Amino acid sequence: MDALLNDAIAAARLARGIHLYYQERGFAVDTKTGPTDLVTQADRETEAAIKEYLLGRYPDHAFLGEEGGQEREAEYRWIVDPLDGTVNFAHRFPFFAVSIGLEVRGRLELGVVLDSTRDELFWAVRGRGAYLNGRALRVSATHRLIGSLLATGFPYDVNKDQENLTYFERVLRKGLTVRRPGAAALDLSYVAAGRLEGFWEVKLKPWDVAAAIVIVEEAGGRITGIQGEPYELGNRYIVATNGHIHQQLLETLHGSG
């Protein structure tokens, strides 16, 4: 895994360079599924650069990217969000990242998330722990939901799909503190770093979460679906916590806590 990790980190740093270049020089913005679902030159060029870099070294691997979709089937699959937090990036709100995960025979084994503005590198390899800029990560030791700091996000078509508004209201009515930073890979990495106690969201895609799942779990956190079931890529719901507050958060989301 060492070579794979080093190459994932190198690809992430390549991506960060592209992000910062366009933040300095300016960029064109387009839309995908709707007026708030943005895509920029940086998204497309970053994905192309990551893909060229990784498949140049591992031509027999598969690649799943947000902008280009799936390329071939293979035992090893890179799952990449070239610019997580595109809306933030487009407005120069400094909370966006590159996310690179590696799945081996259907199991997530490696994750790299690099915060482009802060140069914070989160990474983990299955069975070897999670790290931030070389320092070992551990989730928060908080055991009570009251007093925890949580985060969530909302789908681009929130007017049509208001399910998370219901969950959000239930959490707020409990007097809990919630943030909505707008980049799921970083939100999850913050759970791993103990900066957040929990995170939940609806309708995330595999590239949004693949890398950070490994980071959270290797930092001692817990990730499930909304019913507490084991999380699988493609699940409509994701709930990630430090483990201690997990059941309390699930109950609150369901309105039973």
Protein backbone atom coordinates (compact mmCIF):
# COMPACT_ATOMS: atom_id res chain seq x y z
CA MET A 1 0.00 0.00 0.00
CA ASP A 2 2.92 2.39 0.48
CA ALA A 3 3.36 3.08 -3.22
CA LEU A 4 -0.39 3.46 -3.73
CA LEU A 5 -0.61 5.89 -0.81
CA ASN A 6 2.32 7.94 -2.04
CA ASP A 7 0.83 8.17 -5.51
CA ALA A 8 -2.58 9.14 -4.13
CA ILE A 9 -0.95 11.92 -2.10
CA ALA A 10 1.04 13.07 -5.12
CA ALA A 11 -2.15 13.18 -7.21
CA ALA A 12 -3.91 15.15 -4.46
CA ARG A 13 -1.10 17.70 -4.36
CA LEU A 14 -1.27 18.00 -8.13
CA ALA A 15 -4.99 18.70 -7.77
CA ARG A 16 -4.39 21.32 -5.08
CA GLY A 17 -2.03 23.15 -7.43
CA ILE A 18 -4.78 23.36 -10.05
CA HIS A 19 -7.31 24.57 -7.47
CA LEU A 20 -5.02 27.35 -6.28
CA TYR A 21 -4.09 28.33 -9.84
CA TYR A 22 -7.73 28.91 -10.77
CA GLN A 23 -8.50 30.67 -7.49
CA GLU A 24 -5.77 33.14 -8.40
CA ARG A 25 -6.45 33.47 -12.15
CA GLY A 26 -10.23 33.09 -12.32
CA PHE A 27 -12.31 30.43 -14.05
CA ALA A 28 -15.47 29.74 -16.04
CA VAL A 29 -18.50 28.35 -14.20
CA ASP A 30 -21.19 26.13 -15.71
CA THR A 31 -24.14 24.17 -14.30
CA LYS A 32 -25.07 20.49 -14.41
CA THR A 33 -28.43 19.34 -13.03
CA GLY A 34 -29.67 22.76 -11.96
CA PRO A 35 -28.72 26.38 -11.24
CA THR A 36 -27.05 25.55 -7.91
CA ASP A 37 -25.23 22.41 -9.14
CA LEU A 38 -22.08 24.09 -10.37
CA VAL A 39 -19.05 22.80 -12.25
CA THR A 40 -15.93 24.78 -13.11
CA GLN A 41 -12.87 24.51 -15.31
CA ALA A 42 -11.00 23.46 -12.21
CA ASP A 43 -13.30 20.46 -11.59
CA ARG A 44 -12.78 19.08 -15.07
CA GLU A 45 -9.08 19.81 -15.39
CA THR A 46 -8.34 18.45 -11.92
CA GLU A 47 -10.12 15.18 -12.61
CA ALA A 48 -8.32 14.80 -15.93
CA ALA A 49 -4.96 15.42 -14.24
CA ILE A 50 -5.63 12.94 -11.42
CA LYS A 51 -6.86 10.32 -13.86
CA GLU A 52 -3.85 10.72 -16.13
CA TYR A 53 -1.48 10.53 -13.18
CA LEU A 54 -2.98 7.48 -11.47
CA LEU A 55 -3.84 5.44 -14.56
CA GLY A 56 -0.44 6.30 -15.99
CA ARG A 57 1.05 4.42 -13.03
CA TYR A 58 -1.67 1.78 -12.72
CA PRO A 59 -3.12 1.26 -16.21
CA ASP A 60 -4.99 -1.88 -15.16
CA HIS A 61 -6.95 -0.06 -12.42
CA ALA A 62 -10.52 1.22 -12.71
CA PHE A 63 -11.37 4.88 -12.19
CA LEU A 64 -14.61 6.47 -11.00
CA GLY A 65 -14.70 10.27 -11.06
CA GLU A 66 -17.47 12.75 -10.42
CA GLU A 67 -17.14 14.43 -13.80
CA GLY A 68 -16.28 11.51 -16.08
CA GLY A 69 -17.98 8.56 -14.46
CA GLN A 70 -16.66 4.99 -14.43
CA GLU A 71 -13.84 3.74 -16.62
CA ARG A 72 -13.52 -0.07 -16.88
CA GLU A 73 -13.99 -2.72 -14.19
CA ALA A 74 -11.06 -3.97 -12.14
CA GLU A 75 -10.14 -5.32 -8.70
CA TYR A 76 -8.57 -1.95 -7.86
CA ARG A 77 -10.76 1.11 -8.32
CA TRP A 78 -9.86 4.75 -7.66
CA ILE A 79 -12.88 6.80 -6.54
CA VAL A 80 -12.25 10.51 -6.96
CA ASP A 81 -13.93 13.81 -6.28
CA PRO A 82 -11.55 16.25 -7.96
CA LEU A 83 -13.05 19.26 -6.21
CA ASP A 84 -15.33 18.58 -3.28
CA GLY A 85 -17.11 21.81 -2.41
CA THR A 86 -17.44 23.27 -5.90
CA VAL A 87 -20.01 25.87 -4.84
CA ASN A 88 -17.63 27.04 -2.12
CA PHE A 89 -14.79 27.14 -4.64
CA ALA A 90 -16.86 29.11 -7.14
CA HIS A 91 -17.62 31.75 -4.51
CA ARG A 92 -14.07 31.67 -3.12
CA PHE A 93 -15.37 30.41 0.21
CA PRO A 94 -12.24 28.64 1.51
CA PHE A 95 -13.61 25.19 2.30
CA PHE A 96 -12.98 22.76 -0.54
CA ALA A 97 -10.77 19.75 -1.11
CA VAL A 98 -9.69 16.90 -3.35
CA SER A 99 -10.79 13.41 -2.30
CA ILE A 100 -9.10 10.22 -3.54
CA GLY A 101 -10.19 6.80 -2.32
CA LEU A 102 -9.03 3.34 -3.35
CA GLU A 103 -11.32 0.33 -3.34
CA VAL A 104 -9.75 -3.14 -3.54
CA ARG A 105 -12.04 -6.05 -4.41
CA GLY A 106 -15.05 -4.09 -3.18
CA ARG A 107 -13.49 -2.92 0.10
CA LEU A 108 -12.29 0.63 0.74
CA GLU A 109 -8.64 0.38 1.74
CA LEU A 110 -7.11 3.84 1.37
CA GLY A 111 -8.26 7.43 1.56
CA VAL A 112 -6.64 10.81 0.97
CA VAL A 113 -8.41 14.15 1.48
CA LEU A 114 -6.43 17.36 0.97
CA ASP A 115 -7.86 20.72 2.02
CA SER A 116 -6.56 23.00 -0.71
CA THR A 117 -6.68 26.30 1.17
CA ARG A 118 -5.27 25.09 4.50
CA ASP A 119 -2.92 22.47 3.07
CA GLU A 120 -4.26 19.95 5.56
CA LEU A 121 -3.62 16.42 4.36
CA PHE A 122 -5.87 13.74 5.88
CA TRP A 123 -5.02 10.16 4.99
CA ALA A 124 -5.58 6.61 6.14
CA VAL A 125 -4.77 3.07 5.10
CA ARG A 126 -6.93 0.25 6.39
CA GLY A 127 -5.37 -1.22 9.53
CA ARG A 128 -2.70 1.50 9.83
CA GLY A 129 -4.56 4.39 11.43
CA ALA A 130 -5.51 7.87 10.23
CA TYR A 131 -3.29 10.93 10.05
CA LEU A 132 -3.36 14.68 9.52
CA ASN A 133 -0.09 16.14 8.21
CA GLY A 134 1.74 13.23 9.83
CA ARG A 135 -0.02 13.42 13.20
CA ALA A 136 -2.18 10.47 14.29
CA LEU A 137 -5.90 11.23 14.42
CA ARG A 138 -8.47 10.12 16.96
CA VAL A 139 -12.15 10.95 17.13
CA SER A 140 -13.62 13.05 19.92
CA ALA A 141 -14.15 11.41 23.31
CA THR A 142 -17.47 13.22 23.82
CA HIS A 143 -20.19 10.83 24.98
CA ARG A 144 -23.24 13.10 25.05
CA LEU A 145 -25.14 14.40 22.04
CA ILE A 146 -25.96 17.57 23.94
CA GLY A 147 -22.80 19.65 23.66
CA SER A 148 -21.63 17.90 20.49
CA LEU A 149 -20.85 19.81 17.31
CA LEU A 150 -22.53 18.31 14.24
CA ALA A 151 -22.55 18.99 10.51
CA THR A 152 -24.80 18.20 7.58
CA GLY A 153 -25.48 19.25 4.00
CA PHE A 154 -28.37 19.48 1.60
CA PRO A 155 -28.90 18.19 -1.95
CA TYR A 156 -28.97 20.61 -4.87
CA ASP A 157 -32.65 19.81 -5.47
CA VAL A 158 -33.66 20.51 -1.85
CA ASN A 159 -36.94 22.05 -3.02
CA LYS A 160 -37.92 18.68 -4.50
CA ASP A 161 -36.26 16.47 -1.91
CA GLN A 162 -36.88 17.93 1.53
CA GLU A 163 -36.17 14.82 3.59
CA ASN A 164 -33.06 16.25 5.22
CA LEU A 165 -34.95 19.38 6.21
CA THR A 166 -37.00 17.12 8.48
CA TYR A 167 -33.88 15.60 10.03
CA PHE A 168 -32.31 19.05 10.36
CA GLU A 169 -35.36 20.42 12.17
CA ARG A 170 -35.38 17.50 14.60
CA VAL A 171 -31.75 18.11 15.44
CA LEU A 172 -32.24 21.86 15.89
CA ARG A 173 -35.28 21.37 18.09
CA LYS A 174 -33.08 19.32 20.42
CA GLY A 175 -30.97 22.43 20.94
CA LEU A 176 -27.99 20.89 19.16
CA THR A 177 -25.30 22.87 17.34
CA VAL A 178 -25.06 22.21 13.60
CA ARG A 179 -22.75 23.54 10.89
CA ARG A 180 -23.21 23.30 7.13
CA PRO A 181 -19.71 23.85 5.65
CA GLY A 182 -20.47 22.40 2.20
CA ALA A 183 -17.78 19.78 1.51
CA ALA A 184 -18.65 16.29 2.72
CA ALA A 185 -15.13 14.87 2.43
CA LEU A 186 -13.86 17.57 4.79
CA ASP A 187 -16.87 17.26 7.10
CA LEU A 188 -16.12 13.57 7.51
CA SER A 189 -12.41 14.21 7.95
CA TYR A 190 -13.28 16.68 10.70
CA VAL A 191 -15.15 13.89 12.49
CA ALA A 192 -11.97 11.83 12.28
CA ALA A 193 -9.95 14.75 13.67
CA GLY A 194 -12.30 15.27 16.62
CA ARG A 195 -13.38 18.69 15.36
CA LEU A 196 -16.92 17.41 14.87
CA GLU A 197 -18.70 14.72 16.88
CA GLY A 198 -21.03 13.77 14.06
CA PHE A 199 -22.15 14.27 10.47
CA TRP A 200 -25.13 13.07 8.47
CA GLU A 201 -26.35 13.70 4.95
CA VAL A 202 -28.72 12.41 2.28
CA LYS A 203 -28.02 11.60 -1.38
CA LEU A 204 -24.23 11.72 -1.35
CA LYS A 205 -22.34 9.93 -4.13
CA PRO A 206 -19.49 7.43 -3.76
CA TRP A 207 -16.86 10.01 -4.70
CA ASP A 208 -18.10 12.33 -1.93
CA VAL A 209 -17.37 9.83 0.84
CA ALA A 210 -15.08 6.99 -0.30
CA ALA A 211 -11.77 8.43 0.89
CA ALA A 212 -13.09 9.91 4.12
CA ILE A 213 -14.85 6.69 5.17
CA VAL A 214 -11.46 5.03 5.62
CA ILE A 215 -10.15 8.08 7.49
CA VAL A 216 -13.09 8.15 9.92
CA GLU A 217 -13.04 4.43 10.60
CA GLU A 218 -9.27 4.32 11.08
CA ALA A 219 -9.58 7.23 13.54
CA GLY A 220 -11.99 5.15 15.63
CA GLY A 221 -15.26 6.55 14.32
CA ARG A 222 -18.42 4.78 13.21
CA ILE A 223 -20.29 5.07 9.90
CA THR A 224 -23.72 3.59 9.15
CA GLY A 225 -26.87 4.19 7.20
CA ILE A 226 -29.87 5.96 8.73
CA GLN A 227 -31.15 2.72 10.32
CA GLY A 228 -27.80 1.90 11.84
CA GLU A 229 -27.06 -0.65 9.13
CA PRO A 230 -23.51 -1.08 7.77
CA TYR A 231 -22.81 1.65 5.24
CA GLU A 232 -22.19 0.67 1.64
CA LEU A 233 -21.22 2.99 -1.20
CA GLY A 234 -24.37 4.17 -2.92
CA ASN A 235 -26.48 4.16 0.25
CA ARG A 236 -28.88 7.11 0.20
CA TYR A 237 -28.02 8.02 3.80
CA ILE A 238 -24.78 8.33 5.72
CA VAL A 239 -24.33 8.92 9.45
CA ALA A 240 -20.79 9.30 10.80
CA THR A 241 -19.86 9.93 14.43
CA ASN A 242 -17.18 9.41 17.03
CA GLY A 243 -19.09 6.23 17.91
CA HIS A 244 -20.04 7.37 21.40
CA ILE A 245 -22.99 9.51 20.28
CA HIS A 246 -24.00 7.37 17.32
CA GLN A 247 -27.16 5.81 18.70
CA GLN A 248 -28.23 9.13 20.24
CA LEU A 249 -27.89 10.87 16.86
CA LEU A 250 -29.77 8.11 15.04
CA GLU A 251 -32.62 8.35 17.52
CA THR A 252 -32.75 12.12 17.16
CA LEU A 253 -32.83 11.92 13.37
CA HIS A 254 -35.74 9.50 13.63
CA GLY A 255 -37.55 11.74 16.11
CA SER A 256 -37.44 9.15 18.86
CA GLY A 257 -34.57 10.55 20.90
